[in-house]
């Protein structure tokens, strides 16, 4: 999906449709791209919760 150029924040909600949610194992890989070409996901250099500040 396209995100407008003037966007300053982005929220991602993960919603469970289970009546009683249970823990799931897996990876969630979010990658924002500039332009119309999607690239293969690459692990970021900084993976701490603080990020690359």
PDB file of N, CA and C in Angstrom:
ATOM      1  N   UNK A   1       0.833  -1.177   0.000  1.00  0.00           N
ATOM      2  CA  UNK A   1       0.000   0.000   0.000  1.00  0.00           C
ATOM      3  C   UNK A   1       0.873   1.232   0.000  1.00  0.00           C
ATOM      4  N   UNK A   2       0.405   2.286  -0.545  1.00  0.00           N
ATOM      5  CA  UNK A   2       1.160   3.537  -0.604  1.00  0.00           C
ATOM      6  C   UNK A   2       0.911   4.374   0.651  1.00  0.00           C
ATOM      7  N   UNK A   3       1.967   4.968   1.176  1.00  0.00           N
ATOM      8  CA  UNK A   3       1.886   5.853   2.332  1.00  0.00           C
ATOM      9  C   UNK A   3       2.176   7.264   1.832  1.00  0.00           C
ATOM     10  N   UNK A   4       1.304   8.226   2.143  1.00  0.00           N
ATOM     11  CA  UNK A   4       1.519   9.589   1.652  1.00  0.00           C
ATOM     12  C   UNK A   4       2.884  10.148   2.052  1.00  0.00           C
ATOM     13  N   UNK A   5       3.481  10.959   1.199  1.00  0.00           N
ATOM     14  CA  UNK A   5       4.828  11.501   1.398  1.00  0.00           C
ATOM     15  C   UNK A   5       4.942  12.341   2.664  1.00  0.00           C
ATOM     16  N   UNK A   6       3.866  12.996   3.103  1.00  0.00           N
ATOM     17  CA  UNK A   6       3.937  13.861   4.285  1.00  0.00           C
ATOM     18  C   UNK A   6       3.647  13.121   5.598  1.00  0.00           C
ATOM     19  N   UNK A   7       3.604  11.804   5.580  1.00  0.00           N
ATOM     20  CA  UNK A   7       3.344  11.006   6.782  1.00  0.00           C
ATOM     21  C   UNK A   7       4.517  11.133   7.753  1.00  0.00           C
ATOM     22  N   UNK A   8       4.213  11.385   9.033  1.00  0.00           N
ATOM     23  CA  UNK A   8       5.264  11.530  10.038  1.00  0.00           C
ATOM     24  C   UNK A   8       5.264  10.388  11.048  1.00  0.00           C
ATOM     25  N   UNK A   9       4.196   9.590  11.100  1.00  0.00           N
ATOM     26  CA  UNK A   9       4.194   8.423  11.974  1.00  0.00           C
ATOM     27  C   UNK A   9       3.321   7.342  11.355  1.00  0.00           C
ATOM     28  N   UNK A  10       3.606   6.111  11.732  1.00  0.00           N
ATOM     29  CA  UNK A  10       2.907   4.968  11.160  1.00  0.00           C
ATOM     30  C   UNK A  10       2.668   3.969  12.286  1.00  0.00           C
ATOM     31  N   UNK A  11       1.454   3.453  12.387  1.00  0.00           N
ATOM     32  CA  UNK A  11       1.115   2.476  13.416  1.00  0.00           C
ATOM     33  C   UNK A  11       0.743   1.158  12.754  1.00  0.00           C
ATOM     34  N   UNK A  12       1.166   0.070  13.360  1.00  0.00           N
ATOM     35  CA  UNK A  12       0.841  -1.260  12.864  1.00  0.00           C
ATOM     36  C   UNK A  12       0.124  -2.004  13.985  1.00  0.00           C
ATOM     37  N   UNK A  13      -1.098  -2.421  13.733  1.00  0.00           N
ATOM     38  CA  UNK A  13      -1.862  -3.192  14.712  1.00  0.00           C
ATOM     39  C   UNK A  13      -1.930  -4.638  14.254  1.00  0.00           C
ATOM     40  N   UNK A  14      -1.676  -5.561  15.175  1.00  0.00           N
ATOM     41  CA  UNK A  14      -1.820  -6.985  14.907  1.00  0.00           C
ATOM     42  C   UNK A  14      -3.018  -7.455  15.715  1.00  0.00           C
ATOM     43  N   UNK A  15      -4.034  -7.943  15.041  1.00  0.00           N
ATOM     44  CA  UNK A  15      -5.296  -8.278  15.687  1.00  0.00           C
ATOM     45  C   UNK A  15      -5.545  -9.777  15.593  1.00  0.00           C
ATOM     46  N   UNK A  16      -5.947 -10.369  16.713  1.00  0.00           N
ATOM     47  CA  UNK A  16      -6.283 -11.786  16.743  1.00  0.00           C
ATOM     48  C   UNK A  16      -7.789 -11.954  16.577  1.00  0.00           C
ATOM     49  N   UNK A  17      -8.197 -12.932  15.800  1.00  0.00           N
ATOM     50  CA  UNK A  17      -9.624 -13.217  15.637  1.00  0.00           C
ATOM     51  C   UNK A  17     -10.034 -14.467  16.419  1.00  0.00           C
ATOM     52  N   UNK A  18      -9.124 -14.992  17.238  1.00  0.00           N
ATOM     53  CA  UNK A  18      -9.444 -16.160  18.049  1.00  0.00           C
ATOM     54  C   UNK A  18     -10.314 -15.754  19.240  1.00  0.00           C
ATOM     55  N   UNK A  19     -11.242 -16.610  19.633  1.00  0.00           N
ATOM     56  CA  UNK A  19     -12.067 -16.341  20.814  1.00  0.00           C
ATOM     57  C   UNK A  19     -11.188 -16.254  22.054  1.00  0.00           C
ATOM     58  N   UNK A  20     -10.212 -17.151  22.156  1.00  0.00           N
ATOM     59  CA  UNK A  20      -9.233 -17.129  23.243  1.00  0.00           C
ATOM     60  C   UNK A  20      -7.854 -17.092  22.595  1.00  0.00           C
ATOM     61  N   UNK A  21      -7.262 -15.902  22.476  1.00  0.00           N
ATOM     62  CA  UNK A  21      -5.964 -15.800  21.809  1.00  0.00           C
ATOM     63  C   UNK A  21      -4.892 -16.661  22.481  1.00  0.00           C
ATOM     64  N   UNK A  22      -4.087 -17.309  21.671  1.00  0.00           N
ATOM     65  CA  UNK A  22      -2.989 -18.121  22.171  1.00  0.00           C
ATOM     66  C   UNK A  22      -1.681 -17.589  21.595  1.00  0.00           C
ATOM     67  N   UNK A  23      -0.597 -17.831  22.302  1.00  0.00           N
ATOM     68  CA  UNK A  23       0.719 -17.358  21.867  1.00  0.00           C
ATOM     69  C   UNK A  23       1.089 -17.999  20.531  1.00  0.00           C
ATOM     70  N   UNK A  24       1.723 -17.221  19.682  1.00  0.00           N
ATOM     71  CA  UNK A  24       2.203 -17.695  18.382  1.00  0.00           C
ATOM     72  C   UNK A  24       3.693 -17.425  18.268  1.00  0.00           C
ATOM     73  N   UNK A  25       4.405 -18.342  17.657  1.00  0.00           N
ATOM     74  CA  UNK A  25       5.821 -18.138  17.374  1.00  0.00           C
ATOM     75  C   UNK A  25       5.956 -17.744  15.908  1.00  0.00           C
ATOM     76  N   UNK A  26       6.860 -16.819  15.648  1.00  0.00           N
ATOM     77  CA  UNK A  26       7.084 -16.431  14.266  1.00  0.00           C
ATOM     78  C   UNK A  26       7.800 -15.099  14.179  1.00  0.00           C
ATOM     79  N   UNK A  27       7.990 -14.637  12.986  1.00  0.00           N
ATOM     80  CA  UNK A  27       8.662 -13.367  12.730  1.00  0.00           C
ATOM     81  C   UNK A  27       7.704 -12.428  12.027  1.00  0.00           C
ATOM     82  N   UNK A  28       7.762 -11.180  12.412  1.00  0.00           N
ATOM     83  CA  UNK A  28       7.024 -10.128  11.718  1.00  0.00           C
ATOM     84  C   UNK A  28       8.069  -9.214  11.116  1.00  0.00           C
ATOM     85  N   UNK A  29       8.126  -9.153   9.805  1.00  0.00           N
ATOM     86  CA  UNK A  29       9.173  -8.397   9.108  1.00  0.00           C
ATOM     87  C   UNK A  29       8.545  -7.236   8.346  1.00  0.00           C
ATOM     88  N   UNK A  30       8.691  -6.056   8.906  1.00  0.00           N
ATOM     89  CA  UNK A  30       8.138  -4.855   8.301  1.00  0.00           C
ATOM     90  C   UNK A  30       9.256  -4.118   7.578  1.00  0.00           C
ATOM     91  N   UNK A  31       8.992  -3.724   6.357  1.00  0.00           N
ATOM     92  CA  UNK A  31      10.001  -3.014   5.574  1.00  0.00           C
ATOM     93  C   UNK A  31       9.309  -1.933   4.745  1.00  0.00           C
ATOM     94  N   UNK A  32       9.729  -0.689   4.935  1.00  0.00           N
ATOM     95  CA  UNK A  32       9.190   0.408   4.146  1.00  0.00           C
ATOM     96  C   UNK A  32      10.095   0.645   2.952  1.00  0.00           C
ATOM     97  N   UNK A  33       9.493   0.792   1.798  1.00  0.00           N
ATOM     98  CA  UNK A  33      10.235   0.986   0.561  1.00  0.00           C
ATOM     99  C   UNK A  33       9.955   2.367  -0.009  1.00  0.00           C
ATOM    100  N   UNK A  34      10.944   2.963  -0.609  1.00  0.00           N
ATOM    101  CA  UNK A  34      10.775   4.215  -1.331  1.00  0.00           C
ATOM    102  C   UNK A  34      10.591   3.867  -2.802  1.00  0.00           C
ATOM    103  N   UNK A  35       9.522   4.320  -3.406  1.00  0.00           N
ATOM    104  CA  UNK A  35       9.278   4.013  -4.806  1.00  0.00           C
ATOM    105  C   UNK A  35       8.330   2.844  -4.961  1.00  0.00           C
ATOM    106  N   UNK A  36       8.292   2.279  -6.163  1.00  0.00           N
ATOM    107  CA  UNK A  36       7.333   1.225  -6.504  1.00  0.00           C
ATOM    108  C   UNK A  36       7.924  -0.179  -6.507  1.00  0.00           C
ATOM    109  N   UNK A  37       9.210  -0.325  -6.215  1.00  0.00           N
ATOM    110  CA  UNK A  37       9.860  -1.626  -6.296  1.00  0.00           C
ATOM    111  C   UNK A  37      10.068  -2.219  -4.912  1.00  0.00           C
ATOM    112  N   UNK A  38       9.534  -3.417  -4.681  1.00  0.00           N
ATOM    113  CA  UNK A  38       9.738  -4.118  -3.418  1.00  0.00           C
ATOM    114  C   UNK A  38      11.029  -4.927  -3.498  1.00  0.00           C
ATOM    115  N   UNK A  39      11.797  -4.910  -2.422  1.00  0.00           N
ATOM    116  CA  UNK A  39      13.054  -5.657  -2.360  1.00  0.00           C
ATOM    117  C   UNK A  39      12.947  -6.764  -1.326  1.00  0.00           C
ATOM    118  N   UNK A  40      13.818  -7.739  -1.433  1.00  0.00           N
ATOM    119  CA  UNK A  40      13.858  -8.819  -0.452  1.00  0.00           C
ATOM    120  C   UNK A  40      14.182  -8.236   0.918  1.00  0.00           C
ATOM    121  N   UNK A  41      13.540  -8.772   1.969  1.00  0.00           N
ATOM    122  CA  UNK A  41      13.752  -8.285   3.330  1.00  0.00           C
ATOM    123  C   UNK A  41      15.197  -8.506   3.753  1.00  0.00           C
ATOM    124  N   UNK A  42      15.773  -7.481   4.401  1.00  0.00           N
ATOM    125  CA  UNK A  42      17.136  -7.581   4.916  1.00  0.00           C
ATOM    126  C   UNK A  42      17.120  -7.215   6.389  1.00  0.00           C
ATOM    127  N   UNK A  43      17.820  -7.997   7.199  1.00  0.00           N
ATOM    128  CA  UNK A  43      17.904  -7.712   8.624  1.00  0.00           C
ATOM    129  C   UNK A  43      18.583  -6.356   8.826  1.00  0.00           C
ATOM    130  N   UNK A  44      17.992  -5.472   9.669  1.00  0.00           N
ATOM    131  CA  UNK A  44      18.624  -4.165   9.907  1.00  0.00           C
ATOM    132  C   UNK A  44      19.930  -4.309  10.681  1.00  0.00           C
ATOM    133  N   UNK A  45      20.799  -3.308  10.550  1.00  0.00           N
ATOM    134  CA  UNK A  45      22.073  -3.327  11.271  1.00  0.00           C
ATOM    135  C   UNK A  45      21.864  -3.205  12.779  1.00  0.00           C
ATOM    136  N   UNK A  46      20.875  -2.398  13.194  1.00  0.00           N
ATOM    137  CA  UNK A  46      20.573  -2.195  14.617  1.00  0.00           C
ATOM    138  C   UNK A  46      19.245  -2.868  14.919  1.00  0.00           C
ATOM    139  N   UNK A  47      19.247  -3.812  15.856  1.00  0.00           N
ATOM    140  CA  UNK A  47      18.021  -4.545  16.167  1.00  0.00           C
ATOM    141  C   UNK A  47      17.568  -4.357  17.613  1.00  0.00           C
ATOM    142  N   UNK A  48      18.132  -3.381  18.332  1.00  0.00           N
ATOM    143  CA  UNK A  48      17.706  -3.138  19.697  1.00  0.00           C
ATOM    144  C   UNK A  48      16.358  -2.432  19.699  1.00  0.00           C
ATOM    145  N   UNK A  49      15.644  -2.466  20.819  1.00  0.00           N
ATOM    146  CA  UNK A  49      14.356  -1.779  20.921  1.00  0.00           C
ATOM    147  C   UNK A  49      14.494  -0.288  20.739  1.00  0.00           C
ATOM    148  N   UNK A  50      15.661   0.275  21.069  1.00  0.00           N
ATOM    149  CA  UNK A  50      15.904   1.699  20.922  1.00  0.00           C
ATOM    150  C   UNK A  50      16.041   2.084  19.449  1.00  0.00           C
ATOM    151  N   UNK A  51      16.421   1.145  18.618  1.00  0.00           N
ATOM    152  CA  UNK A  51      16.556   1.409  17.191  1.00  0.00           C
ATOM    153  C   UNK A  51      17.856   2.087  16.850  1.00  0.00           C
ATOM    154  N   UNK A  52      17.938   2.595  15.651  1.00  0.00           N
ATOM    155  CA  UNK A  52      19.177   3.201  15.172  1.00  0.00           C
ATOM    156  C   UNK A  52      19.237   4.686  15.406  1.00  0.00           C
ATOM    157  N   UNK A  53      18.950   5.111  16.613  1.00  0.00           N
ATOM    158  CA  UNK A  53      18.973   6.550  16.925  1.00  0.00           C
ATOM    159  C   UNK A  53      20.370   7.050  17.130  1.00  0.00           C
TER     160      UNK A  53
END
